[in-house]
Amino acid sequence: MGKGFGDVQDYFHSTFPDVLIEDLIGFQGSHGDSFEIHPLLPRKQWKFFYLGDLRYHGHDIDILWKEDWSSTTPGMQSKLFVWVDGKRVAESNNLNSSLQVSLH
């Protein structure tokens, strides 16, 4: 447990993942049956990332970005994919654009 500050404990251990998930990866929840992903990642700096087993409104969410999906095909085949409960439900070619995802 972190060092106390008055009557409040240091909860950096739970704040740090929030910064990564909500800010860097850009996962923004809502009150409804949807969420938005708008990463703040610099496109040329990240080859891939995976955020998996994210439990949200009773569903399992997996998010995967890969800069190049095929090493045998010329050029970059960049894609951001989102799965809900094991079913691919959304994708985007642009890492830095907003992607709306429905849970149903």
N, C-alpha and C. Protein backbone atom coordinates (compact mmCIF):
# COMPACT_ATOMS: atom_id res chain seq x y z
N MET A 1 0.85 -1.17 0.00
CA MET A 1 0.00 0.00 0.00
C MET A 1 0.90 1.23 0.00
N GLY A 2 0.48 2.25 -0.69
CA GLY A 2 1.28 3.46 -0.83
C GLY A 2 1.33 4.28 0.45
N LYS A 3 2.20 5.25 0.43
CA LYS A 3 2.36 6.14 1.57
C LYS A 3 1.11 7.01 1.72
N GLY A 4 0.67 7.18 2.95
CA GLY A 4 -0.54 7.94 3.22
C GLY A 4 -0.37 9.42 2.99
N PHE A 5 -1.43 10.09 2.62
CA PHE A 5 -1.47 11.53 2.47
C PHE A 5 -2.70 11.99 3.22
N GLY A 6 -2.53 12.40 4.47
CA GLY A 6 -3.68 12.70 5.30
C GLY A 6 -4.44 11.42 5.56
N ASP A 7 -5.73 11.43 5.29
CA ASP A 7 -6.54 10.23 5.44
C ASP A 7 -6.67 9.44 4.14
N VAL A 8 -5.93 9.83 3.10
CA VAL A 8 -6.05 9.21 1.79
C VAL A 8 -4.80 8.40 1.49
N GLN A 9 -4.99 7.17 1.02
CA GLN A 9 -3.86 6.34 0.62
C GLN A 9 -3.48 6.68 -0.83
N ASP A 10 -2.24 6.38 -1.17
CA ASP A 10 -1.75 6.58 -2.53
C ASP A 10 -2.24 5.43 -3.41
N TYR A 11 -3.14 5.71 -4.31
CA TYR A 11 -3.69 4.67 -5.17
C TYR A 11 -3.12 4.75 -6.58
N PHE A 12 -1.83 5.04 -6.69
CA PHE A 12 -1.18 5.12 -8.00
C PHE A 12 -1.28 3.79 -8.75
N HIS A 13 -1.32 2.68 -8.02
CA HIS A 13 -1.39 1.37 -8.66
C HIS A 13 -2.66 1.20 -9.48
N SER A 14 -3.72 1.92 -9.17
CA SER A 14 -4.94 1.83 -9.97
C SER A 14 -5.09 3.03 -10.91
N THR A 15 -4.43 4.12 -10.62
CA THR A 15 -4.49 5.30 -11.47
C THR A 15 -3.68 5.11 -12.74
N PHE A 16 -2.52 4.47 -12.64
CA PHE A 16 -1.65 4.28 -13.79
C PHE A 16 -2.33 3.51 -14.92
N PRO A 17 -3.00 2.36 -14.65
CA PRO A 17 -3.72 1.69 -15.74
C PRO A 17 -4.82 2.55 -16.35
N ASP A 18 -5.49 3.37 -15.53
CA ASP A 18 -6.51 4.27 -16.06
C ASP A 18 -5.92 5.24 -17.08
N VAL A 19 -4.74 5.77 -16.80
CA VAL A 19 -4.08 6.69 -17.72
C VAL A 19 -3.77 5.97 -19.04
N LEU A 20 -3.26 4.76 -18.95
CA LEU A 20 -2.95 4.00 -20.16
C LEU A 20 -4.20 3.66 -20.97
N ILE A 21 -5.22 3.14 -20.30
CA ILE A 21 -6.42 2.67 -20.98
C ILE A 21 -7.27 3.82 -21.50
N GLU A 22 -7.53 4.81 -20.67
CA GLU A 22 -8.43 5.90 -21.07
C GLU A 22 -7.74 6.97 -21.91
N ASP A 23 -6.50 7.27 -21.62
CA ASP A 23 -5.83 8.36 -22.32
C ASP A 23 -4.99 7.87 -23.50
N LEU A 24 -4.03 7.02 -23.24
CA LEU A 24 -3.13 6.58 -24.31
C LEU A 24 -3.85 5.70 -25.34
N ILE A 25 -4.55 4.66 -24.89
CA ILE A 25 -5.32 3.80 -25.78
C ILE A 25 -6.60 4.50 -26.23
N GLY A 26 -7.13 5.37 -25.39
CA GLY A 26 -8.29 6.18 -25.76
C GLY A 26 -9.64 5.52 -25.56
N PHE A 27 -9.74 4.55 -24.65
CA PHE A 27 -11.01 3.89 -24.38
C PHE A 27 -11.88 4.82 -23.54
N GLN A 28 -13.03 5.21 -24.09
CA GLN A 28 -13.96 6.09 -23.39
C GLN A 28 -15.32 5.41 -23.29
N GLY A 29 -15.70 5.06 -22.09
CA GLY A 29 -16.98 4.40 -21.86
C GLY A 29 -18.14 5.37 -21.93
N SER A 30 -19.35 4.82 -21.89
CA SER A 30 -20.56 5.62 -21.90
C SER A 30 -21.59 4.95 -20.99
N HIS A 31 -22.70 5.62 -20.77
CA HIS A 31 -23.77 5.03 -19.96
C HIS A 31 -24.58 4.02 -20.76
N GLY A 32 -24.53 4.11 -22.07
CA GLY A 32 -25.29 3.21 -22.94
C GLY A 32 -24.51 1.95 -23.28
N ASP A 33 -24.94 1.29 -24.33
CA ASP A 33 -24.32 0.04 -24.77
C ASP A 33 -23.30 0.28 -25.87
N SER A 34 -22.41 1.22 -25.64
CA SER A 34 -21.37 1.52 -26.62
C SER A 34 -20.17 2.13 -25.91
N PHE A 35 -19.09 2.26 -26.65
CA PHE A 35 -17.91 2.96 -26.16
C PHE A 35 -17.17 3.52 -27.37
N GLU A 36 -16.21 4.38 -27.10
CA GLU A 36 -15.43 5.02 -28.15
C GLU A 36 -13.96 4.73 -27.90
N ILE A 37 -13.23 4.56 -28.99
CA ILE A 37 -11.77 4.42 -28.90
C ILE A 37 -11.18 5.54 -29.75
N HIS A 38 -10.31 6.33 -29.13
CA HIS A 38 -9.62 7.41 -29.83
C HIS A 38 -8.20 7.50 -29.27
N PRO A 39 -7.30 6.64 -29.77
CA PRO A 39 -5.94 6.60 -29.23
C PRO A 39 -5.18 7.90 -29.42
N LEU A 40 -4.32 8.17 -28.46
CA LEU A 40 -3.42 9.31 -28.54
C LEU A 40 -2.00 8.84 -28.87
N LEU A 41 -1.88 7.62 -29.34
CA LEU A 41 -0.58 7.04 -29.64
C LEU A 41 0.00 7.65 -30.91
N PRO A 42 1.29 7.98 -30.91
CA PRO A 42 1.91 8.44 -32.15
C PRO A 42 2.03 7.27 -33.12
N ARG A 43 1.45 7.40 -34.29
CA ARG A 43 1.32 6.30 -35.25
C ARG A 43 2.67 5.68 -35.62
N LYS A 44 3.65 6.43 -35.88
CA LYS A 44 4.94 5.90 -36.35
C LYS A 44 5.80 5.33 -35.21
N GLN A 45 5.38 5.50 -33.98
CA GLN A 45 6.17 5.04 -32.84
C GLN A 45 5.74 3.68 -32.31
N TRP A 46 4.53 3.23 -32.61
CA TRP A 46 4.01 1.98 -32.07
C TRP A 46 3.78 0.99 -33.20
N LYS A 47 4.43 -0.16 -33.13
CA LYS A 47 4.25 -1.22 -34.13
C LYS A 47 2.96 -2.00 -33.85
N PHE A 48 2.63 -2.16 -32.58
CA PHE A 48 1.41 -2.88 -32.20
C PHE A 48 1.10 -2.61 -30.74
N PHE A 49 -0.14 -2.86 -30.35
CA PHE A 49 -0.52 -2.94 -28.94
C PHE A 49 -1.74 -3.84 -28.84
N TYR A 50 -1.91 -4.41 -27.67
CA TYR A 50 -3.06 -5.27 -27.39
C TYR A 50 -3.56 -4.96 -26.00
N LEU A 51 -4.84 -4.67 -25.89
CA LEU A 51 -5.51 -4.51 -24.60
C LEU A 51 -6.61 -5.54 -24.59
N GLY A 52 -6.47 -6.53 -23.73
CA GLY A 52 -7.43 -7.63 -23.74
C GLY A 52 -8.03 -7.90 -22.38
N ASP A 53 -9.09 -8.68 -22.41
CA ASP A 53 -9.80 -9.07 -21.20
C ASP A 53 -10.30 -7.86 -20.41
N LEU A 54 -10.67 -6.82 -21.13
CA LEU A 54 -11.23 -5.63 -20.50
C LEU A 54 -12.72 -5.88 -20.29
N ARG A 55 -13.15 -5.94 -19.07
CA ARG A 55 -14.56 -6.20 -18.74
C ARG A 55 -15.31 -4.88 -18.73
N TYR A 56 -16.37 -4.79 -19.54
CA TYR A 56 -17.10 -3.53 -19.68
C TYR A 56 -18.58 -3.82 -19.87
N HIS A 57 -19.42 -3.33 -18.98
CA HIS A 57 -20.88 -3.53 -19.04
C HIS A 57 -21.25 -5.00 -19.24
N GLY A 58 -20.52 -5.89 -18.57
CA GLY A 58 -20.82 -7.32 -18.66
C GLY A 58 -20.29 -8.00 -19.91
N HIS A 59 -19.45 -7.34 -20.67
CA HIS A 59 -18.89 -7.89 -21.90
C HIS A 59 -17.36 -7.91 -21.82
N ASP A 60 -16.75 -8.81 -22.57
CA ASP A 60 -15.29 -8.89 -22.66
C ASP A 60 -14.83 -8.16 -23.92
N ILE A 61 -13.94 -7.19 -23.76
CA ILE A 61 -13.46 -6.36 -24.86
C ILE A 61 -11.99 -6.67 -25.11
N ASP A 62 -11.63 -6.80 -26.38
CA ASP A 62 -10.24 -6.94 -26.81
C ASP A 62 -9.99 -5.90 -27.90
N ILE A 63 -8.87 -5.19 -27.78
CA ILE A 63 -8.50 -4.14 -28.74
C ILE A 63 -7.09 -4.44 -29.22
N LEU A 64 -6.90 -4.45 -30.53
CA LEU A 64 -5.59 -4.77 -31.10
C LEU A 64 -5.27 -3.83 -32.25
N TRP A 65 -4.11 -3.20 -32.17
CA TRP A 65 -3.57 -2.39 -33.26
C TRP A 65 -2.30 -3.06 -33.74
N LYS A 66 -2.16 -3.17 -35.04
CA LYS A 66 -0.91 -3.68 -35.61
C LYS A 66 -0.60 -2.83 -36.83
N GLU A 67 0.64 -2.36 -36.88
CA GLU A 67 1.04 -1.47 -37.96
C GLU A 67 1.09 -2.18 -39.31
N ASP A 68 1.50 -3.44 -39.31
CA ASP A 68 1.63 -4.18 -40.57
C ASP A 68 1.19 -5.62 -40.36
N TRP A 69 0.06 -5.99 -40.92
CA TRP A 69 -0.52 -7.32 -40.71
C TRP A 69 0.09 -8.38 -41.61
N SER A 70 0.78 -8.00 -42.67
CA SER A 70 1.36 -8.99 -43.57
C SER A 70 2.77 -8.58 -43.97
N SER A 71 3.73 -9.40 -43.61
CA SER A 71 5.12 -9.09 -43.97
C SER A 71 5.40 -9.45 -45.43
N THR A 72 4.51 -10.20 -46.08
CA THR A 72 4.73 -10.60 -47.47
C THR A 72 4.04 -9.68 -48.48
N THR A 73 3.12 -8.85 -48.01
CA THR A 73 2.42 -7.91 -48.89
C THR A 73 3.11 -6.56 -48.83
N PRO A 74 3.45 -5.97 -49.99
CA PRO A 74 4.11 -4.67 -49.98
C PRO A 74 3.25 -3.59 -49.31
N GLY A 75 3.91 -2.65 -48.67
CA GLY A 75 3.21 -1.55 -48.01
C GLY A 75 2.69 -1.95 -46.64
N MET A 76 2.16 -0.98 -45.96
CA MET A 76 1.64 -1.22 -44.61
C MET A 76 0.15 -1.53 -44.68
N GLN A 77 -0.27 -2.52 -43.91
CA GLN A 77 -1.68 -2.86 -43.79
C GLN A 77 -2.10 -2.60 -42.35
N SER A 78 -2.07 -1.34 -41.97
CA SER A 78 -2.36 -0.95 -40.59
C SER A 78 -3.84 -1.13 -40.29
N LYS A 79 -4.13 -1.69 -39.11
CA LYS A 79 -5.53 -1.89 -38.69
C LYS A 79 -5.64 -1.86 -37.18
N LEU A 80 -6.75 -1.30 -36.74
CA LEU A 80 -7.18 -1.37 -35.35
C LEU A 80 -8.44 -2.23 -35.34
N PHE A 81 -8.43 -3.32 -34.58
CA PHE A 81 -9.58 -4.22 -34.49
C PHE A 81 -10.12 -4.21 -33.07
N VAL A 82 -11.44 -4.38 -32.96
CA VAL A 82 -12.10 -4.47 -31.66
C VAL A 82 -13.00 -5.71 -31.67
N TRP A 83 -12.87 -6.51 -30.63
CA TRP A 83 -13.72 -7.68 -30.43
C TRP A 83 -14.57 -7.47 -29.18
N VAL A 84 -15.83 -7.87 -29.24
CA VAL A 84 -16.72 -7.89 -28.08
C VAL A 84 -17.18 -9.33 -27.92
N ASP A 85 -16.88 -9.91 -26.77
CA ASP A 85 -17.24 -11.30 -26.48
C ASP A 85 -16.75 -12.25 -27.57
N GLY A 86 -15.53 -12.01 -28.07
CA GLY A 86 -14.91 -12.89 -29.05
C GLY A 86 -15.35 -12.67 -30.49
N LYS A 87 -16.23 -11.71 -30.74
CA LYS A 87 -16.71 -11.43 -32.09
C LYS A 87 -16.14 -10.09 -32.55
N ARG A 88 -15.49 -10.08 -33.73
CA ARG A 88 -14.95 -8.82 -34.24
C ARG A 88 -16.10 -7.92 -34.65
N VAL A 89 -16.16 -6.73 -34.05
CA VAL A 89 -17.31 -5.83 -34.27
C VAL A 89 -16.93 -4.49 -34.89
N ALA A 90 -15.64 -4.14 -34.89
CA ALA A 90 -15.25 -2.84 -35.44
C ALA A 90 -13.80 -2.89 -35.88
N GLU A 91 -13.49 -2.04 -36.84
CA GLU A 91 -12.11 -1.91 -37.31
C GLU A 91 -11.89 -0.54 -37.92
N SER A 92 -10.63 -0.14 -37.96
CA SER A 92 -10.27 1.14 -38.55
C SER A 92 -8.86 1.04 -39.11
N ASN A 93 -8.63 1.69 -40.25
CA ASN A 93 -7.28 1.76 -40.82
C ASN A 93 -6.46 2.87 -40.18
N ASN A 94 -7.12 3.77 -39.48
CA ASN A 94 -6.46 4.95 -38.92
C ASN A 94 -6.37 4.84 -37.41
N LEU A 95 -5.19 4.77 -36.89
CA LEU A 95 -4.98 4.64 -35.45
C LEU A 95 -5.48 5.86 -34.69
N ASN A 96 -5.38 7.03 -35.28
CA ASN A 96 -5.67 8.25 -34.54
C ASN A 96 -7.03 8.86 -34.84
N SER A 97 -7.94 8.08 -35.38
CA SER A 97 -9.30 8.58 -35.56
C SER A 97 -10.21 7.96 -34.51
N SER A 98 -11.36 8.56 -34.32
CA SER A 98 -12.32 8.07 -33.34
C SER A 98 -13.10 6.89 -33.92
N LEU A 99 -13.27 5.85 -33.11
CA LEU A 99 -14.00 4.65 -33.53
C LEU A 99 -15.10 4.38 -32.53
N GLN A 100 -16.35 4.44 -32.98
CA GLN A 100 -17.51 4.15 -32.13
C GLN A 100 -17.78 2.65 -32.20
N VAL A 101 -17.99 2.02 -31.04
CA VAL A 101 -18.20 0.58 -30.98
C VAL A 101 -19.48 0.29 -30.20
N SER A 102 -20.35 -0.51 -30.79
CA SER A 102 -21.58 -0.93 -30.13
C SER A 102 -21.36 -2.30 -29.50
N LEU A 103 -21.96 -2.52 -28.35
CA LEU A 103 -21.83 -3.81 -27.67
C LEU A 103 -22.75 -4.86 -28.28
N HIS A 104 -23.69 -4.45 -29.11
CA HIS A 104 -24.64 -5.41 -29.69
C HIS A 104 -24.58 -5.40 -31.19
